[in-house]
Amino acid sequence: MRAIGFVTVLVGACAVTAASGPARADDLPLLARPIGVGGGGGHGGHGGAAEGIFLGIDGGLGIVGSFQGAPAQYAGAVGARVGWQSPRGLSVFGGYDYLGVTPKGADGALQAFTFGVRYAFPPLVPAPYVEALVGGAFASQWSTRPTGGIGIGITAPIGPVSFDLGGRDLVMSDQGSLYQAFTLEGGVSLTF
C-alpha cells in the first residue's frame, strides 16, 4: 500500500513538473550556496542579515584557571564591539572587554582591547562562527600585555538585529608565562 502511495505522489509530481515547463538549475532550491553567492553572515548572522557597520554588546562570565599559585576565579564580564560585516559571512571589528577577573599581581579587573575577524557559515540557521582576536590586555598594576585569542559560537539575525551565543579564549603573556582567560557570553548587535 505504501508503494502505491509513493508511486502516486511521484506521478503527480512529474505531471506538475511537465505542466510547468522544463526545469532549470536556478529553479531548484539550494541547501548550500556556491562560492560567490551572497547569503549574509558575519557578526550579524547569516542569510538575510544586513550588510554594513554594526554595534554590539556582550555580557556573560569571565573565567580564569589557577595560575602560578593563584586560585581559579570567575566574575561577570561585559564587552562592546563595532565593525563591518559583509553579506558573505565575513566581519571585522574592534572591541573592548571587561573580564571581571583579577590576575595575580594586579588589584583591578582584567580588561582587553582587541581587533578581530569573524566568519559565520551563511547557509546554516543559526550560523556557527569562528573568530580570531589580537590586541592588548591590562589590569590596574599591569602594563599592557600582548593578547591573542579565538572564539566560537552561533549567531542568529532577525532583520538588522542579531543574537550571539559563544565563547572566547584569550591568552596573554605574564612575566614569561602565558595567562589564559575564557569568556562565555551572549550578545546582541545592530547593523546600520
N, C-alpha and C. Protein backbone atom coordinates (compact mmCIF):
# COMPACT_ATOMS: atom_id res chain seq x y z
N MET A 1 0.82 -1.19 0.00
CA MET A 1 0.00 0.00 0.00
C MET A 1 0.87 1.27 0.00
N ARG A 2 1.99 1.24 0.77
CA ARG A 2 2.88 2.40 0.78
C ARG A 2 3.51 2.61 -0.59
N ALA A 3 3.84 1.53 -1.30
CA ALA A 3 4.44 1.64 -2.62
C ALA A 3 3.49 2.32 -3.59
N ILE A 4 2.20 2.01 -3.50
CA ILE A 4 1.21 2.64 -4.38
C ILE A 4 1.11 4.13 -4.05
N GLY A 5 1.12 4.48 -2.77
CA GLY A 5 1.08 5.89 -2.38
C GLY A 5 2.30 6.64 -2.88
N PHE A 6 3.49 6.04 -2.77
CA PHE A 6 4.72 6.67 -3.24
C PHE A 6 4.67 6.89 -4.74
N VAL A 7 4.22 5.86 -5.48
CA VAL A 7 4.12 5.97 -6.95
C VAL A 7 3.13 7.06 -7.32
N THR A 8 2.00 7.16 -6.61
CA THR A 8 1.01 8.20 -6.89
C THR A 8 1.61 9.59 -6.69
N VAL A 9 2.34 9.77 -5.61
CA VAL A 9 2.98 11.07 -5.36
C VAL A 9 4.02 11.36 -6.43
N LEU A 10 4.82 10.39 -6.80
CA LEU A 10 5.85 10.56 -7.81
C LEU A 10 5.24 10.93 -9.17
N VAL A 11 4.18 10.23 -9.57
CA VAL A 11 3.50 10.52 -10.84
C VAL A 11 2.89 11.91 -10.79
N GLY A 12 2.28 12.28 -9.68
CA GLY A 12 1.70 13.62 -9.54
C GLY A 12 2.75 14.70 -9.64
N ALA A 13 3.90 14.49 -9.00
CA ALA A 13 4.99 15.48 -9.07
C ALA A 13 5.51 15.61 -10.49
N CYS A 14 5.63 14.50 -11.19
CA CYS A 14 6.08 14.56 -12.59
C CYS A 14 5.08 15.30 -13.46
N ALA A 15 3.80 15.09 -13.22
CA ALA A 15 2.76 15.76 -14.01
C ALA A 15 2.80 17.27 -13.77
N VAL A 16 2.96 17.67 -12.53
CA VAL A 16 3.04 19.10 -12.22
C VAL A 16 4.27 19.71 -12.87
N THR A 17 5.41 19.01 -12.80
CA THR A 17 6.64 19.49 -13.41
C THR A 17 6.50 19.62 -14.92
N ALA A 18 5.90 18.64 -15.56
CA ALA A 18 5.72 18.67 -17.01
C ALA A 18 4.80 19.81 -17.41
N ALA A 19 3.77 20.08 -16.61
CA ALA A 19 2.82 21.14 -16.94
C ALA A 19 3.44 22.52 -16.76
N SER A 20 4.43 22.63 -15.89
CA SER A 20 5.03 23.94 -15.64
C SER A 20 6.20 24.25 -16.56
N GLY A 21 6.56 23.36 -17.45
CA GLY A 21 7.64 23.62 -18.40
C GLY A 21 8.92 22.97 -17.95
N PRO A 22 9.97 23.15 -18.75
CA PRO A 22 11.24 22.50 -18.43
C PRO A 22 11.85 23.10 -17.16
N ALA A 23 12.50 22.23 -16.37
CA ALA A 23 13.16 22.67 -15.15
C ALA A 23 14.52 23.26 -15.49
N ARG A 24 14.89 24.31 -14.75
CA ARG A 24 16.20 24.93 -14.91
C ARG A 24 16.94 24.83 -13.59
N ALA A 25 18.27 24.87 -13.65
CA ALA A 25 19.08 24.73 -12.44
C ALA A 25 18.76 25.82 -11.42
N ASP A 26 18.47 27.05 -11.88
CA ASP A 26 18.21 28.12 -10.92
C ASP A 26 16.81 28.04 -10.32
N ASP A 27 15.96 27.09 -10.78
CA ASP A 27 14.65 26.86 -10.17
C ASP A 27 14.74 25.97 -8.95
N LEU A 28 15.84 25.24 -8.81
CA LEU A 28 15.98 24.28 -7.73
C LEU A 28 16.46 24.97 -6.46
N PRO A 29 15.88 24.62 -5.30
CA PRO A 29 16.37 25.20 -4.04
C PRO A 29 17.75 24.62 -3.70
N LEU A 30 18.61 25.48 -3.17
CA LEU A 30 19.95 25.03 -2.77
C LEU A 30 20.02 24.94 -1.26
N LEU A 31 20.60 23.86 -0.77
CA LEU A 31 20.83 23.74 0.67
C LEU A 31 22.11 24.43 1.07
N ALA A 32 23.06 24.50 0.16
CA ALA A 32 24.31 25.22 0.40
C ALA A 32 24.52 26.16 -0.77
N ARG A 33 25.02 27.33 -0.50
CA ARG A 33 25.22 28.31 -1.56
C ARG A 33 26.60 28.15 -2.17
N PRO A 34 26.70 28.26 -3.50
CA PRO A 34 28.02 28.20 -4.14
C PRO A 34 28.87 29.40 -3.74
N ILE A 35 30.17 29.27 -3.87
CA ILE A 35 31.08 30.37 -3.57
C ILE A 35 30.74 31.55 -4.46
N GLY A 36 30.69 32.73 -3.87
CA GLY A 36 30.41 33.93 -4.64
C GLY A 36 28.95 34.33 -4.62
N VAL A 37 28.08 33.52 -4.04
CA VAL A 37 26.66 33.85 -3.97
C VAL A 37 26.38 34.38 -2.58
N GLY A 38 25.79 35.57 -2.49
CA GLY A 38 25.55 36.19 -1.21
C GLY A 38 24.57 35.42 -0.35
N GLY A 39 24.81 35.44 0.94
CA GLY A 39 23.90 34.76 1.84
C GLY A 39 23.90 35.36 3.22
N GLY A 40 24.64 36.43 3.43
CA GLY A 40 24.68 37.07 4.73
C GLY A 40 25.68 36.41 5.66
N GLY A 41 25.95 37.05 6.77
CA GLY A 41 26.82 36.44 7.76
C GLY A 41 27.57 37.46 8.56
N GLY A 42 28.65 37.04 9.14
CA GLY A 42 29.47 37.93 9.94
C GLY A 42 28.92 38.07 11.34
N HIS A 43 29.25 39.19 11.97
CA HIS A 43 28.83 39.41 13.35
C HIS A 43 27.33 39.38 13.46
N GLY A 44 26.65 39.81 12.42
CA GLY A 44 25.20 39.89 12.47
C GLY A 44 24.50 38.67 11.96
N GLY A 45 25.16 37.63 11.53
CA GLY A 45 24.42 36.43 11.24
C GLY A 45 24.65 35.82 9.90
N HIS A 46 23.57 35.46 9.25
CA HIS A 46 23.60 34.67 8.04
C HIS A 46 22.54 35.18 7.09
N GLY A 47 22.08 34.39 6.15
CA GLY A 47 21.15 34.79 5.11
C GLY A 47 20.13 35.79 5.58
N GLY A 48 20.02 36.91 4.91
CA GLY A 48 19.05 37.92 5.25
C GLY A 48 19.60 38.97 6.20
N ALA A 49 20.78 38.77 6.76
CA ALA A 49 21.36 39.75 7.66
C ALA A 49 21.82 40.96 6.87
N ALA A 50 21.72 42.10 7.50
CA ALA A 50 22.09 43.34 6.84
C ALA A 50 23.61 43.44 6.69
N GLU A 51 24.03 44.12 5.64
CA GLU A 51 25.45 44.40 5.41
C GLU A 51 25.73 45.81 5.88
N GLY A 52 26.88 46.01 6.50
CA GLY A 52 27.26 47.36 6.88
C GLY A 52 27.92 47.42 8.24
N ILE A 53 27.89 48.59 8.82
CA ILE A 53 28.50 48.85 10.11
C ILE A 53 27.59 48.30 11.21
N PHE A 54 28.19 47.65 12.21
CA PHE A 54 27.39 47.14 13.32
C PHE A 54 27.96 47.60 14.65
N LEU A 55 27.10 47.62 15.64
CA LEU A 55 27.46 47.93 17.02
C LEU A 55 26.89 46.80 17.87
N GLY A 56 27.73 46.18 18.70
CA GLY A 56 27.27 45.06 19.50
C GLY A 56 27.70 45.17 20.94
N ILE A 57 26.91 44.55 21.83
CA ILE A 57 27.25 44.47 23.24
C ILE A 57 27.15 43.00 23.66
N ASP A 58 28.00 42.60 24.61
CA ASP A 58 28.04 41.24 25.12
C ASP A 58 27.98 41.27 26.64
N GLY A 59 27.50 40.21 27.22
CA GLY A 59 27.52 40.06 28.66
C GLY A 59 27.61 38.58 29.00
N GLY A 60 28.27 38.26 30.09
CA GLY A 60 28.38 36.86 30.46
C GLY A 60 29.30 36.63 31.62
N LEU A 61 30.15 35.61 31.48
CA LEU A 61 31.00 35.16 32.57
C LEU A 61 32.46 35.13 32.12
N GLY A 62 33.35 35.75 32.90
CA GLY A 62 34.79 35.67 32.68
C GLY A 62 35.37 34.62 33.62
N ILE A 63 36.24 33.76 33.11
CA ILE A 63 36.77 32.65 33.90
C ILE A 63 38.28 32.57 33.70
N VAL A 64 39.03 32.38 34.77
CA VAL A 64 40.46 32.07 34.67
C VAL A 64 40.73 30.85 35.53
N GLY A 65 41.61 29.97 35.02
CA GLY A 65 42.02 28.80 35.79
C GLY A 65 43.08 29.20 36.80
N SER A 66 43.49 28.27 37.64
CA SER A 66 44.55 28.57 38.60
C SER A 66 45.83 28.89 37.82
N PHE A 67 46.59 29.85 38.32
CA PHE A 67 47.77 30.34 37.61
C PHE A 67 48.82 30.74 38.61
N GLN A 68 49.99 30.15 38.53
CA GLN A 68 51.14 30.46 39.40
C GLN A 68 50.72 30.58 40.86
N GLY A 69 49.96 29.60 41.34
CA GLY A 69 49.55 29.58 42.73
C GLY A 69 48.28 30.36 43.04
N ALA A 70 47.78 31.15 42.11
CA ALA A 70 46.53 31.88 42.33
C ALA A 70 45.35 30.93 42.06
N PRO A 71 44.31 31.00 42.86
CA PRO A 71 43.17 30.09 42.65
C PRO A 71 42.37 30.48 41.39
N ALA A 72 41.62 29.52 40.87
CA ALA A 72 40.72 29.79 39.75
C ALA A 72 39.64 30.77 40.22
N GLN A 73 39.14 31.56 39.29
CA GLN A 73 38.10 32.53 39.64
C GLN A 73 37.19 32.79 38.46
N TYR A 74 36.04 33.34 38.75
CA TYR A 74 35.09 33.74 37.72
C TYR A 74 34.38 35.00 38.18
N ALA A 75 33.88 35.77 37.22
CA ALA A 75 33.18 37.03 37.52
C ALA A 75 32.36 37.44 36.31
N GLY A 76 31.48 38.39 36.50
CA GLY A 76 30.69 38.93 35.40
C GLY A 76 31.58 39.64 34.40
N ALA A 77 31.28 39.48 33.12
CA ALA A 77 32.07 40.11 32.04
C ALA A 77 31.12 40.86 31.10
N VAL A 78 31.59 41.98 30.58
CA VAL A 78 30.82 42.74 29.59
C VAL A 78 31.77 43.18 28.48
N GLY A 79 31.22 43.44 27.33
CA GLY A 79 32.05 43.90 26.21
C GLY A 79 31.23 44.68 25.22
N ALA A 80 31.92 45.39 24.34
CA ALA A 80 31.29 46.15 23.27
C ALA A 80 32.14 46.01 22.02
N ARG A 81 31.49 45.99 20.87
CA ARG A 81 32.17 45.86 19.58
C ARG A 81 31.56 46.78 18.55
N VAL A 82 32.43 47.23 17.64
CA VAL A 82 31.98 47.98 16.49
C VAL A 82 32.79 47.48 15.30
N GLY A 83 32.14 47.35 14.17
CA GLY A 83 32.83 46.82 13.00
C GLY A 83 31.97 46.86 11.76
N TRP A 84 32.39 46.08 10.77
CA TRP A 84 31.68 46.00 9.49
C TRP A 84 31.50 44.53 9.14
N GLN A 85 30.32 44.20 8.60
CA GLN A 85 30.06 42.83 8.18
C GLN A 85 29.65 42.79 6.72
N SER A 86 30.10 41.73 6.05
CA SER A 86 29.73 41.53 4.65
C SER A 86 28.57 40.55 4.59
N PRO A 87 27.87 40.53 3.47
CA PRO A 87 26.76 39.58 3.33
C PRO A 87 27.24 38.14 3.08
N ARG A 88 28.54 37.93 2.97
CA ARG A 88 29.07 36.59 2.68
C ARG A 88 29.65 35.88 3.89
N GLY A 89 29.42 36.42 5.08
CA GLY A 89 29.85 35.73 6.29
C GLY A 89 31.05 36.30 6.99
N LEU A 90 31.74 37.26 6.41
CA LEU A 90 32.96 37.81 6.99
C LEU A 90 32.66 39.13 7.70
N SER A 91 33.25 39.32 8.88
CA SER A 91 33.17 40.62 9.54
C SER A 91 34.50 40.93 10.20
N VAL A 92 34.78 42.22 10.32
CA VAL A 92 35.97 42.71 11.01
C VAL A 92 35.48 43.69 12.07
N PHE A 93 36.18 43.72 13.22
CA PHE A 93 35.68 44.55 14.31
C PHE A 93 36.79 44.91 15.28
N GLY A 94 36.51 45.93 16.06
CA GLY A 94 37.34 46.30 17.20
C GLY A 94 36.46 46.20 18.43
N GLY A 95 37.05 45.79 19.56
CA GLY A 95 36.22 45.62 20.74
C GLY A 95 36.95 45.88 22.04
N TYR A 96 36.16 46.03 23.07
CA TYR A 96 36.64 46.21 24.44
C TYR A 96 35.93 45.17 25.31
N ASP A 97 36.68 44.49 26.18
CA ASP A 97 36.10 43.52 27.10
C ASP A 97 36.56 43.82 28.52
N TYR A 98 35.63 43.91 29.42
CA TYR A 98 35.90 43.98 30.86
C TYR A 98 35.62 42.58 31.38
N LEU A 99 36.68 41.82 31.69
CA LEU A 99 36.54 40.40 32.02
C LEU A 99 36.17 40.14 33.47
N GLY A 100 36.30 41.13 34.33
CA GLY A 100 35.86 40.99 35.70
C GLY A 100 36.80 40.24 36.63
N VAL A 101 37.65 39.37 36.11
CA VAL A 101 38.57 38.59 36.93
C VAL A 101 39.84 39.39 37.20
N THR A 102 40.48 39.14 38.35
CA THR A 102 41.68 39.88 38.72
C THR A 102 42.90 38.97 38.60
N PRO A 103 43.83 39.30 37.70
CA PRO A 103 45.04 38.47 37.55
C PRO A 103 45.94 38.58 38.78
N LYS A 104 46.78 37.56 38.97
CA LYS A 104 47.75 37.57 40.06
C LYS A 104 48.67 38.77 39.90
N GLY A 105 48.90 39.50 40.96
CA GLY A 105 49.79 40.65 40.93
C GLY A 105 49.10 41.95 40.52
N ALA A 106 47.79 41.93 40.35
CA ALA A 106 47.05 43.15 40.00
C ALA A 106 45.97 43.39 41.04
N ASP A 107 45.57 44.64 41.19
CA ASP A 107 44.49 44.92 42.14
C ASP A 107 43.22 45.40 41.43
N GLY A 108 43.14 45.15 40.15
CA GLY A 108 41.94 45.52 39.40
C GLY A 108 41.60 44.45 38.39
N ALA A 109 40.44 44.59 37.80
CA ALA A 109 39.93 43.59 36.86
C ALA A 109 40.69 43.61 35.53
N LEU A 110 40.77 42.45 34.92
CA LEU A 110 41.40 42.30 33.62
C LEU A 110 40.51 42.90 32.53
N GLN A 111 41.14 43.68 31.65
CA GLN A 111 40.43 44.32 30.54
C GLN A 111 41.23 44.11 29.27
N ALA A 112 40.54 44.07 28.14
CA ALA A 112 41.24 43.84 26.87
C ALA A 112 40.65 44.69 25.75
N PHE A 113 41.52 45.21 24.91
CA PHE A 113 41.14 45.85 23.65
C PHE A 113 41.62 44.94 22.54
N THR A 114 40.73 44.56 21.64
CA THR A 114 41.12 43.63 20.59
C THR A 114 40.57 44.06 19.24
N PHE A 115 41.25 43.58 18.20
CA PHE A 115 40.76 43.67 16.83
C PHE A 115 40.53 42.24 16.39
N GLY A 116 39.46 42.02 15.64
CA GLY A 116 39.16 40.65 15.29
C GLY A 116 38.57 40.51 13.91
N VAL A 117 38.56 39.28 13.46
CA VAL A 117 37.91 38.90 12.21
C VAL A 117 37.06 37.67 12.53
N ARG A 118 35.85 37.65 11.97
CA ARG A 118 34.91 36.56 12.22
C ARG A 118 34.36 36.05 10.90
N TYR A 119 34.18 34.73 10.85
CA TYR A 119 33.48 34.15 9.71
C TYR A 119 32.32 33.31 10.23
N ALA A 120 31.11 33.65 9.76
CA ALA A 120 29.92 32.87 10.07
C ALA A 120 29.58 32.05 8.83
N PHE A 121 29.08 30.86 9.02
CA PHE A 121 28.77 29.96 7.91
C PHE A 121 27.35 30.25 7.44
N PRO A 122 27.20 31.07 6.37
CA PRO A 122 25.91 31.64 5.98
C PRO A 122 24.76 30.68 5.72
N PRO A 123 24.94 29.52 5.11
CA PRO A 123 23.74 28.77 4.77
C PRO A 123 23.07 28.08 5.97
N LEU A 124 23.71 28.08 7.14
CA LEU A 124 23.15 27.38 8.28
C LEU A 124 22.33 28.32 9.16
N VAL A 125 21.30 27.79 9.81
CA VAL A 125 20.43 28.58 10.67
C VAL A 125 20.31 27.89 12.01
N PRO A 126 20.72 28.49 13.14
CA PRO A 126 21.56 29.68 13.23
C PRO A 126 22.97 29.37 12.72
N ALA A 127 23.69 30.42 12.36
CA ALA A 127 25.01 30.26 11.73
C ALA A 127 26.10 30.08 12.78
N PRO A 128 26.84 28.98 12.73
CA PRO A 128 28.02 28.86 13.59
C PRO A 128 29.10 29.82 13.12
N TYR A 129 29.92 30.31 14.04
CA TYR A 129 31.00 31.21 13.65
C TYR A 129 32.30 30.84 14.35
N VAL A 130 33.40 31.30 13.75
CA VAL A 130 34.73 31.24 14.35
C VAL A 130 35.33 32.63 14.23
N GLU A 131 36.15 33.02 15.19
CA GLU A 131 36.78 34.33 15.13
C GLU A 131 38.19 34.26 15.69
N ALA A 132 39.03 35.18 15.23
CA ALA A 132 40.40 35.33 15.71
C ALA A 132 40.56 36.75 16.23
N LEU A 133 41.25 36.90 17.35
CA LEU A 133 41.40 38.20 18.01
C LEU A 133 42.87 38.48 18.30
N VAL A 134 43.26 39.74 18.22
CA VAL A 134 44.60 40.16 18.59
C VAL A 134 44.49 41.56 19.20
N GLY A 135 45.32 41.85 20.21
CA GLY A 135 45.25 43.16 20.84
C GLY A 135 46.11 43.23 22.07
N GLY A 136 45.60 43.92 23.09
CA GLY A 136 46.33 44.09 24.33
C GLY A 136 45.39 43.94 25.52
N ALA A 137 45.95 43.47 26.63
CA ALA A 137 45.18 43.32 27.87
C ALA A 137 45.92 44.04 28.99
N PHE A 138 45.16 44.52 29.97
CA PHE A 138 45.77 45.19 31.10
C PHE A 138 44.88 45.06 32.32
N ALA A 139 45.47 45.25 33.48
CA ALA A 139 44.77 45.39 34.76
C ALA A 139 45.45 46.57 35.44
N SER A 140 44.95 46.97 36.58
CA SER A 140 45.42 48.23 37.18
C SER A 140 46.93 48.31 37.35
N GLN A 141 47.61 47.28 37.82
CA GLN A 141 49.05 47.35 38.03
C GLN A 141 49.84 46.68 36.91
N TRP A 142 49.17 46.15 35.94
CA TRP A 142 49.84 45.54 34.79
C TRP A 142 50.07 46.58 33.73
N SER A 143 51.19 46.49 33.05
CA SER A 143 51.32 47.27 31.82
C SER A 143 50.55 46.48 30.76
N THR A 144 50.30 47.08 29.63
CA THR A 144 49.56 46.40 28.57
C THR A 144 50.34 45.20 28.08
N ARG A 145 49.68 44.06 27.99
CA ARG A 145 50.30 42.81 27.56
C ARG A 145 49.76 42.40 26.20
N PRO A 146 50.61 41.91 25.31
CA PRO A 146 50.12 41.40 24.03
C PRO A 146 49.12 40.26 24.27
N THR A 147 48.05 40.27 23.51
CA THR A 147 46.97 39.31 23.71
C THR A 147 46.49 38.77 22.37
N GLY A 148 46.18 37.51 22.34
CA GLY A 148 45.57 36.89 21.17
C GLY A 148 44.51 35.91 21.63
N GLY A 149 43.62 35.56 20.72
CA GLY A 149 42.58 34.63 21.12
C GLY A 149 41.77 34.12 19.96
N ILE A 150 40.90 33.18 20.30
CA ILE A 150 39.95 32.63 19.33
C ILE A 150 38.57 32.61 19.98
N GLY A 151 37.56 32.53 19.15
CA GLY A 151 36.19 32.43 19.65
C GLY A 151 35.37 31.54 18.75
N ILE A 152 34.37 30.91 19.32
CA ILE A 152 33.41 30.11 18.56
C ILE A 152 32.02 30.37 19.13
N GLY A 153 31.00 30.16 18.31
CA GLY A 153 29.64 30.33 18.79
C GLY A 153 28.64 30.21 17.68
N ILE A 154 27.44 30.72 17.94
CA ILE A 154 26.38 30.76 16.94
C ILE A 154 25.79 32.16 16.92
N THR A 155 25.27 32.56 15.78
CA THR A 155 24.64 33.86 15.62
C THR A 155 23.34 33.69 14.84
N ALA A 156 22.32 34.43 15.23
CA ALA A 156 21.02 34.34 14.59
C ALA A 156 20.47 35.75 14.35
N PRO A 157 20.32 36.18 13.09
CA PRO A 157 19.80 37.51 12.81
C PRO A 157 18.28 37.52 12.69
N ILE A 158 17.72 38.63 13.10
CA ILE A 158 16.31 38.92 12.86
C ILE A 158 16.29 40.34 12.32
N GLY A 159 16.25 40.47 10.99
CA GLY A 159 16.38 41.78 10.35
C GLY A 159 17.76 42.35 10.64
N PRO A 160 17.83 43.63 11.07
CA PRO A 160 19.14 44.23 11.34
C PRO A 160 19.70 43.88 12.72
N VAL A 161 18.96 43.13 13.53
CA VAL A 161 19.39 42.76 14.88
C VAL A 161 19.84 41.30 14.86
N SER A 162 20.98 41.02 15.50
CA SER A 162 21.49 39.66 15.58
C SER A 162 21.77 39.29 17.03
N PHE A 163 21.55 38.02 17.33
CA PHE A 163 21.79 37.50 18.67
C PHE A 163 22.91 36.47 18.60
N ASP A 164 23.90 36.61 19.50
CA ASP A 164 25.06 35.73 19.52
C ASP A 164 25.12 34.98 20.85
N LEU A 165 25.65 33.77 20.79
CA LEU A 165 25.95 32.99 21.98
C LEU A 165 27.27 32.28 21.70
N GLY A 166 28.28 32.54 22.53
CA GLY A 166 29.58 31.95 22.22
C GLY A 166 30.57 32.06 23.35
N GLY A 167 31.79 31.65 23.04
CA GLY A 167 32.88 31.71 24.00
C GLY A 167 34.15 32.19 23.34
N ARG A 168 35.00 32.82 24.14
CA ARG A 168 36.30 33.30 23.66
C ARG A 168 37.38 32.82 24.62
N ASP A 169 38.54 32.57 24.07
CA ASP A 169 39.70 32.16 24.84
C ASP A 169 40.80 33.16 24.54
N LEU A 170 41.15 34.00 25.52
CA LEU A 170 42.21 35.00 25.36
C LEU A 170 43.47 34.53 26.08
N VAL A 171 44.60 34.66 25.43
CA VAL A 171 45.89 34.27 26.01
C VAL A 171 46.80 35.49 26.00
N MET A 172 47.45 35.76 27.14
CA MET A 172 48.37 36.89 27.23
C MET A 172 49.62 36.47 27.98
N SER A 173 50.69 37.19 27.77
CA SER A 173 51.96 36.90 28.42
C SER A 173 52.02 37.58 29.78
N ASP A 174 52.57 36.86 30.78
CA ASP A 174 52.78 37.44 32.10
C ASP A 174 54.13 36.98 32.62
N GLN A 175 55.13 37.82 32.52
CA GLN A 175 56.48 37.54 33.01
C GLN A 175 57.01 36.20 32.50
N GLY A 176 56.91 35.99 31.21
CA GLY A 176 57.43 34.78 30.60
C GLY A 176 56.49 33.59 30.61
N SER A 177 55.36 33.71 31.28
CA SER A 177 54.36 32.65 31.31
C SER A 177 53.12 33.11 30.55
N LEU A 178 52.29 32.18 30.17
CA LEU A 178 51.04 32.52 29.50
C LEU A 178 49.90 32.53 30.50
N TYR A 179 49.08 33.55 30.41
CA TYR A 179 47.90 33.71 31.26
C TYR A 179 46.70 33.55 30.35
N GLN A 180 45.72 32.78 30.77
CA GLN A 180 44.59 32.46 29.90
C GLN A 180 43.29 32.85 30.58
N ALA A 181 42.40 33.51 29.83
CA ALA A 181 41.08 33.88 30.34
C ALA A 181 40.02 33.47 29.32
N PHE A 182 38.95 32.88 29.82
CA PHE A 182 37.83 32.46 28.98
C PHE A 182 36.64 33.36 29.24
N THR A 183 35.83 33.56 28.24
CA THR A 183 34.55 34.22 28.45
C THR A 183 33.45 33.38 27.80
N LEU A 184 32.34 33.28 28.47
CA LEU A 184 31.12 32.69 27.93
C LEU A 184 30.11 33.81 27.91
N GLU A 185 29.64 34.20 26.71
CA GLU A 185 28.85 35.41 26.59
C GLU A 185 27.67 35.24 25.65
N GLY A 186 26.66 36.03 25.92
CA GLY A 186 25.56 36.23 24.99
C GLY A 186 25.62 37.68 24.56
N GLY A 187 25.21 37.96 23.33
CA GLY A 187 25.31 39.34 22.86
C GLY A 187 24.23 39.67 21.86
N VAL A 188 24.11 40.94 21.59
CA VAL A 188 23.18 41.44 20.59
C VAL A 188 23.90 42.51 19.78
N SER A 189 23.66 42.55 18.47
CA SER A 189 24.27 43.58 17.64
C SER A 189 23.23 44.17 16.70
N LEU A 190 23.44 45.41 16.34
CA LEU A 190 22.54 46.14 15.45
C LEU A 190 23.35 46.63 14.26
N THR A 191 22.89 46.32 13.06
CA THR A 191 23.58 46.75 11.84
C THR A 191 22.89 47.99 11.29
N PHE A 192 23.70 48.98 10.90
CA PHE A 192 23.17 50.24 10.35
C PHE A 192 23.34 50.28 8.86
